[in-house]
Structure formats: structure tokens, C-alpha cells
C-alpha atoms as a PDB file:
ATOM      1  CA  MET A   1      40.753 134.344 -92.791  1.00  0.00           C
ATOM      2  CA  THR A   2      38.560 133.144 -89.969  1.00  0.00           C
ATOM      3  CA  PRO A   3      40.041 131.368 -86.831  1.00  0.00           C
ATOM      4  CA  LYS A   4      38.216 128.228 -87.985  1.00  0.00           C
ATOM      5  CA  GLU A   5      39.837 128.368 -91.395  1.00  0.00           C
ATOM      6  CA  LYS A   6      43.264 129.051 -89.814  1.00  0.00           C
ATOM      7  CA  ASP A   7      42.805 126.083 -87.560  1.00  0.00           C
ATOM      8  CA  LYS A   8      41.930 123.880 -90.493  1.00  0.00           C
ATOM      9  CA  ILE A   9      45.075 124.864 -92.313  1.00  0.00           C
ATOM     10  CA  GLU A  10      47.344 124.406 -89.276  1.00  0.00           C
ATOM     11  CA  ILE A  11      45.780 120.952 -88.533  1.00  0.00           C
ATOM     12  CA  ARG A  12      46.463 119.926 -92.142  1.00  0.00           C
ATOM     13  CA  GLU A  13      50.090 121.153 -91.853  1.00  0.00           C
ATOM     14  CA  TYR A  14      50.509 119.355 -88.502  1.00  0.00           C
ATOM     15  CA  SER A  15      48.923 116.193 -89.953  1.00  0.00           C
ATOM     16  CA  ASN A  16      51.355 116.238 -92.864  1.00  0.00           C
ATOM     17  CA  GLN A  17      54.314 116.511 -90.559  1.00  0.00           C
ATOM     18  CA  VAL A  18      53.060 113.818 -88.216  1.00  0.00           C
ATOM     19  CA  LEU A  19      52.474 111.441 -91.082  1.00  0.00           C
ATOM     20  CA  ASP A  20      55.856 112.035 -92.671  1.00  0.00           C
ATOM     21  CA  SER A  21      57.679 108.869 -91.766  1.00  0.00           C
ATOM     22  CA  LYS A  22      61.009 110.452 -92.714  1.00  0.00           C
ATOM     23  CA  ARG A  23      60.499 113.024 -89.822  1.00  0.00           C
ATOM     24  CA  TRP A  24      60.314 110.107 -87.338  1.00  0.00           C
ATOM     25  CA  ILE A  25      63.421 108.492 -88.927  1.00  0.00           C
ATOM     26  CA  ASP A  26      65.459 111.828 -88.655  1.00  0.00           C
ATOM     27  CA  THR A  27      64.510 112.081 -85.016  1.00  0.00           C
ATOM     28  CA  SER A  28      65.676 108.486 -84.480  1.00  0.00           C
ATOM     29  CA  ILE A  29      68.987 109.229 -86.248  1.00  0.00           C
ATOM     30  CA  ASP A  30      69.446 112.356 -84.027  1.00  0.00           C
ATOM     31  CA  LEU A  31      69.028 110.238 -80.984  1.00  0.00           C
ATOM     32  CA  LEU A  32      71.422 107.546 -82.263  1.00  0.00           C
ATOM     33  CA  ASN A  33      74.003 110.288 -82.849  1.00  0.00           C
ATOM     34  CA  SER A  34      73.797 110.918 -79.126  1.00  0.00           C
ATOM     35  CA  VAL A  35      74.055 107.293 -78.365  1.00  0.00           C
ATOM     36  CA  LYS A  36      77.347 107.274 -80.426  1.00  0.00           C
ATOM     37  CA  VAL A  37      78.758 110.033 -78.306  1.00  0.00           C
ATOM     38  CA  LEU A  38      77.898 108.156 -75.027  1.00  0.00           C
ATOM     39  CA  GLU A  39      78.998 104.719 -76.263  1.00  0.00           C
ATOM     40  CA  PRO A  40      82.815 105.036 -75.649  1.00  0.00           C
ATOM     41  CA  ILE A  41      82.066 106.567 -72.200  1.00  0.00           C
ATOM     42  CA  VAL A  42      79.771 103.607 -71.279  1.00  0.00           C
ATOM     43  CA  ARG A  43      82.351 101.068 -72.513  1.00  0.00           C
ATOM     44  CA  ASN A  44      85.129 102.729 -70.518  1.00  0.00           C
ATOM     45  CA  ARG A  45      83.150 102.786 -67.364  1.00  0.00           C
ATOM     46  CA  TRP A  46      82.367  99.058 -67.801  1.00  0.00           C
ATOM     47  CA  LEU A  47      85.977  98.259 -68.334  1.00  0.00           C
ATOM     48  CA  SER A  48      87.004 100.223 -65.265  1.00  0.00           C
ATOM     49  CA  PHE A  49      84.257  98.603 -63.212  1.00  0.00           C
ATOM     50  CA  ASN A  50      85.230  95.086 -64.440  1.00  0.00           C
ATOM     51  CA  ASN A  51      88.929  95.838 -63.556  1.00  0.00           C
ATOM     52  CA  SER A  52      87.732  96.883 -59.960  1.00  0.00           C
ATOM     53  CA  GLN A  53      88.611 100.475 -60.615  1.00  0.00           C
ATOM     54  CA  GLY A  54      85.059 101.778 -60.840  1.00  0.00           C
ATOM     55  CA  ASN A  55      81.983 101.833 -58.593  1.00  0.00           C
ATOM     56  CA  VAL A  56      78.396 100.890 -59.330  1.00  0.00           C
ATOM     57  CA  ARG A  57      77.462 104.500 -59.386  1.00  0.00           C
ATOM     58  CA  SER A  58      79.728 105.047 -62.371  1.00  0.00           C
ATOM     59  CA  LEU A  59      77.583 102.654 -64.389  1.00  0.00           C
ATOM     60  CA  MET A  60      74.381 104.738 -64.043  1.00  0.00           C
ATOM     61  CA  ILE A  61      75.213 106.210 -67.468  1.00  0.00           C
ATOM     62  CA  HIS A  62      74.395 102.795 -68.865  1.00  0.00           C
ATOM     63  CA  LYS A  63      70.692 103.547 -68.052  1.00  0.00           C
ATOM     64  CA  THR A  64      70.898 106.847 -69.967  1.00  0.00           C
ATOM     65  CA  PHE A  65      72.488 104.963 -72.847  1.00  0.00           C
ATOM     66  CA  LEU A  66      69.569 102.535 -72.910  1.00  0.00           C
ATOM     67  CA  PHE A  67      66.985 105.411 -72.656  1.00  0.00           C
ATOM     68  CA  LEU A  68      68.401 107.035 -75.722  1.00  0.00           C
ATOM     69  CA  ILE A  69      68.419 103.816 -77.736  1.00  0.00           C
ATOM     70  CA  GLY A  70      64.849 103.005 -76.592  1.00  0.00           C
ATOM     71  CA  LEU A  71      63.693 106.537 -77.743  1.00  0.00           C
ATOM     72  CA  SER A  72      65.526 106.060 -81.071  1.00  0.00           C
ATOM     73  CA  LEU A  73      63.853 102.690 -81.638  1.00  0.00           C
ATOM     74  CA  GLU A  74      60.473 104.155 -80.672  1.00  0.00           C
ATOM     75  CA  ASN A  75      60.843 106.732 -83.323  1.00  0.00           C
ATOM     76  CA  LEU A  76      61.841 104.088 -86.000  1.00  0.00           C
ATOM     77  CA  LEU A  77      58.833 101.975 -84.991  1.00  0.00           C
ATOM     78  CA  LYS A  78      56.500 104.946 -85.166  1.00  0.00           C
ATOM     79  CA  SER A  79      57.800 105.706 -88.740  1.00  0.00           C
ATOM     80  CA  ARG A  80      56.530 102.213 -89.791  1.00  0.00           C
ATOM     81  CA  ILE A  81      53.248 102.692 -87.892  1.00  0.00           C
ATOM     82  CA  VAL A  82      52.695 105.983 -89.686  1.00  0.00           C
ATOM     83  CA  LYS A  83      53.344 104.246 -92.976  1.00  0.00           C
ATOM     84  CA  PHE A  84      51.058 101.297 -92.410  1.00  0.00           C
ATOM     85  CA  HIS A  85      48.210 103.122 -90.558  1.00  0.00           C
ATOM     86  CA  SER A  86      48.215 106.545 -92.385  1.00  0.00           C
ATOM     87  CA  LYS A  87      44.523 106.638 -93.434  1.00  0.00           C
ATOM     88  CA  ASN A  88      43.294 105.936 -89.815  1.00  0.00           C
ATOM     89  CA  LEU A  89      45.916 108.256 -88.355  1.00  0.00           C
ATOM     90  CA  GLN A  90      44.953 111.006 -90.858  1.00  0.00           C
ATOM     91  CA  ALA A  91      41.278 110.687 -89.888  1.00  0.00           C
ATOM     92  CA  GLU A  92      42.086 111.024 -86.197  1.00  0.00           C
ATOM     93  CA  LEU A  93      44.339 113.963 -86.758  1.00  0.00           C
ATOM     94  CA  LYS A  94      41.699 115.675 -88.848  1.00  0.00           C
ATOM     95  CA  LYS A  95      39.101 115.060 -86.223  1.00  0.00           C
ATOM     96  CA  THR A  96      41.118 115.993 -83.056  1.00  0.00           C
ATOM     97  CA  GLY A  97      44.108 118.067 -84.344  1.00  0.00           C
ATOM     98  CA  LYS A  98      46.205 116.102 -81.755  1.00  0.00           C
ATOM     99  CA  LEU A  99      48.840 113.390 -81.922  1.00  0.00           C
ATOM    100  CA  PRO A 100      46.997 110.153 -82.690  1.00  0.00           C
ATOM    101  CA  THR A 101      46.471 107.906 -79.543  1.00  0.00           C
ATOM    102  CA  ILE A 102      48.690 105.096 -81.038  1.00  0.00           C
ATOM    103  CA  LEU A 103      51.607 107.533 -81.317  1.00  0.00           C
ATOM    104  CA  LYS A 104      51.399 108.976 -77.884  1.00  0.00           C
ATOM    105  CA  GLY A 105      54.121 108.175 -75.390  1.00  0.00           C
ATOM    106  CA  ASN A 106      53.165 104.935 -73.644  1.00  0.00           C
ATOM    107  CA  HIS A 107      56.645 103.804 -74.678  1.00  0.00           C
ATOM    108  CA  ASP A 108      55.717 100.159 -74.969  1.00  0.00           C
ATOM    109  CA  LEU A 109      58.082  99.118 -77.656  1.00  0.00           C
ATOM    110  CA  SER A 110      56.663  95.599 -77.903  1.00  0.00           C
ATOM    111  CA  LYS A 111      53.268  97.112 -78.709  1.00  0.00           C
ATOM    112  CA  TYR A 112      54.746  99.430 -81.225  1.00  0.00           C
ATOM    113  CA  ALA A 113      56.710  96.561 -82.921  1.00  0.00           C
ATOM    114  CA  ILE A 114      53.320  94.677 -83.331  1.00  0.00           C
ATOM    115  CA  GLU A 115      51.667  97.807 -84.743  1.00  0.00           C
ATOM    116  CA  ALA A 116      54.665  98.297 -87.106  1.00  0.00           C
ATOM    117  CA  ARG A 117      54.286  94.663 -88.295  1.00  0.00           C
ATOM    118  CA  ILE A 118      57.733  93.580 -87.075  1.00  0.00           C
ATOM    119  CA  THR A 119      58.300  90.038 -86.005  1.00  0.00           C
ATOM    120  CA  LEU A 120      60.748  89.685 -83.211  1.00  0.00           C
ATOM    121  CA  THR A 121      62.663  86.783 -81.711  1.00  0.00           C
ATOM    122  CA  SER A 122      62.177  86.056 -77.991  1.00  0.00           C
ATOM    123  CA  GLU A 123      65.634  87.696 -77.295  1.00  0.00           C
ATOM    124  CA  GLN A 124      64.602  90.888 -79.137  1.00  0.00           C
ATOM    125  CA  GLU A 125      61.253  90.977 -77.275  1.00  0.00           C
ATOM    126  CA  GLU A 126      63.130  90.810 -73.979  1.00  0.00           C
ATOM    127  CA  LEU A 127      65.528  93.673 -75.194  1.00  0.00           C
ATOM    128  CA  LEU A 128      62.497  95.776 -76.090  1.00  0.00           C
ATOM    129  CA  LYS A 129      61.002  95.292 -72.624  1.00  0.00           C
ATOM    130  CA  ARG A 130      64.168  96.412 -71.044  1.00  0.00           C
ATOM    131  CA  LEU A 131      64.323  99.357 -73.282  1.00  0.00           C
ATOM    132  CA  SER A 132      60.706 100.213 -72.634  1.00  0.00           C
ATOM    133  CA  ARG A 133      61.588 100.331 -68.821  1.00  0.00           C
ATOM    134  CA  ALA A 134      64.518 102.507 -69.557  1.00  0.00           C
ATOM    135  CA  ILE A 135      62.198 105.004 -71.383  1.00  0.00           C
ATOM    136  CA  LYS A 136      59.466 104.907 -68.800  1.00  0.00           C
ATOM    137  CA  TRP A 137      61.645 105.208 -65.706  1.00  0.00           C
ATOM    138  CA  SER A 138      64.964 103.617 -65.183  1.00  0.00           C
ATOM    139  CA  GLY A 139      66.683 105.893 -67.780  1.00  0.00           C
ATOM    140  CA  ARG A 140      65.160 108.967 -66.243  1.00  0.00           C
ATOM    141  CA  TYR A 141      64.319 108.608 -62.596  1.00  0.00           C
ATOM    142  CA  ALA A 142      65.860 107.013 -59.510  1.00  0.00           C
ATOM    143  CA  PHE A 143      62.642 105.013 -58.804  1.00  0.00           C
ATOM    144  CA  PRO A 144      59.630 103.775 -60.730  1.00  0.00           C
ATOM    145  CA  PRO A 145      56.174 105.182 -59.934  1.00  0.00           C
ATOM    146  CA  SER A 146      55.259 102.010 -58.036  1.00  0.00           C
ATOM    147  CA  TYR A 147      57.101  99.146 -56.401  1.00  0.00           C
ATOM    148  CA  LYS A 148      55.190  96.906 -58.800  1.00  0.00           C
ATOM    149  CA  SER A 149      57.160  98.437 -61.662  1.00  0.00           C
ATOM    150  CA  TRP A 150      60.470  98.045 -59.901  1.00  0.00           C
ATOM    151  CA  SER A 151      62.776  95.549 -61.622  1.00  0.00           C
ATOM    152  CA  PHE A 152      66.483  95.061 -61.464  1.00  0.00           C
ATOM    153  CA  ASP A 153      67.828  94.426 -64.988  1.00  0.00           C
ATOM    154  CA  ASP A 154      71.145  92.675 -65.192  1.00  0.00           C
ATOM    155  CA  TYR A 155      73.317  95.239 -66.958  1.00  0.00           C
ATOM    156  CA  SER A 156      76.431  94.213 -68.648  1.00  0.00           C
ATOM    157  CA  LEU A 157      78.933  95.414 -71.275  1.00  0.00           C
ATOM    158  CA  ASP A 158      77.237  92.993 -73.736  1.00  0.00           C
ATOM    159  CA  ASP A 159      74.136  95.119 -73.600  1.00  0.00           C
ATOM    160  CA  ILE A 160      75.879  97.700 -75.742  1.00  0.00           C
ATOM    161  CA  ASP A 161      76.321  95.504 -78.804  1.00  0.00           C
ATOM    162  CA  LYS A 162      72.894  93.666 -78.303  1.00  0.00           C
ATOM    163  CA  MET A 163      71.114  96.888 -78.228  1.00  0.00           C
ATOM    164  CA  LYS A 164      73.012  98.402 -81.120  1.00  0.00           C
ATOM    165  CA  ASN A 165      72.333  95.209 -83.200  1.00  0.00           C
ATOM    166  CA  LEU A 166      68.556  95.364 -82.439  1.00  0.00           C
ATOM    167  CA  CYS A 167      68.509  99.029 -83.396  1.00  0.00           C
ATOM    168  CA  ASN A 168      70.494  98.283 -86.546  1.00  0.00           C
ATOM    169  CA  ASN A 169      68.132  95.461 -87.706  1.00  0.00           C
ATOM    170  CA  ILE A 170      65.037  97.594 -87.140  1.00  0.00           C
ATOM    171  CA  TYR A 171      66.704 100.539 -88.801  1.00  0.00           C
ATOM    172  CA  GLN A 172      67.711  98.536 -91.883  1.00  0.00           C
ATOM    173  CA  LEU A 173      64.106  97.226 -92.124  1.00  0.00           C
ATOM    174  CA  VAL A 174      62.662 100.782 -91.941  1.00  0.00           C
ATOM    175  CA  ILE A 175      65.203 102.236 -94.342  1.00  0.00           C
ATOM    176  CA  GLN A 176      64.600  99.556 -97.002  1.00  0.00           C
ATOM    177  CA  GLU A 177      60.944 100.433 -97.086  1.00  0.00           C
ATOM    178  CA  ASN A 178      61.587 104.140 -97.334  1.00  0.00           C
ATOM    179  CA  ILE A 179      63.927 104.042-100.265  1.00  0.00           C
END
């Protein structure tokens, strides 16, 4: 087998994996399992903080919690993008052998929701913006890459249920279409 033939086979296998919406869903579920482990810790830290027994630093885990929910949602949205745009994605994969541009990590969940043909309420839009920030920097780094990206989200115990509900709504939508 020539190197060119081998590349062709490997690109085909890679393409099949990338275009398998179930793989994106499985990754999302793995991330959600991590969220479930963190949730009681985040809740307890909020309760301690609200009872004046904790400090602001103890709440930084909240950002990690949002980061993981955001990544989980990103994978769910990409599962729908793969489903709705498979022909174009397949052509790009065949041509480049690389992850298609639309699936690369810009982490703009609102953009992904549009591409995934999901209609959102204004509240859900705002939640996705916050989750996008968590993925891009606030869930990973102490500071954004620029002062222009710096924002101070109001974090609260309510975030936990709001984010879980958003994730569950999108998850149910995705799963119904993959049954």
C-alpha cells in the first residue's frame, strides 16, 4: 500500500468518526458525568459562602463547573451540526483531512446553536454567552487574553439549576433526533 493510499484510508476512517453524531453525544455525557461529581461540592461551597462561612476564593470551582457544562453543550450542539451539515463537512474532511472549520474550537455556543438549528429564548442566549466565556477563559485562566474580554458575571447558586436545565433541554432535543 502506498502512503497516499494509506492516507486516503485513514482520512476516510477519521471522517467517519468525526461525522458520527453519537461520538459527540458520548463525549458530552462524559463531561456531564464530571459535572455531576462537582455539583454537590459547588452547592456546598455556595451554602457555606451564603452562611458567611466561606470566602470568595472557595467559589472559584463554580467557574470550572460552568466550563464543563459549556464543553458538554458544545459537544451536543456539534452532534446536531454534524447531522445537519454532514455533506459539506464530509467534503471538507475529504479535501483537508482535518477537523472542519465549523467544528473547530471557537467555543461560541450561540453560533453553534444557530448552526445546529436550535431556537433559544433570550435567557438561554445569555446563559450560552456566559458558558462561552467560561470555556474560552474564565473556567480555565485567571485572566482573559485582553481587557476587552474581561467581564464579571454575577455568579449565584441559581446558576447550577439554570445551566442544568439548559443542558437538559438541549440534550433532550438531540437525543430525540438520534433515536
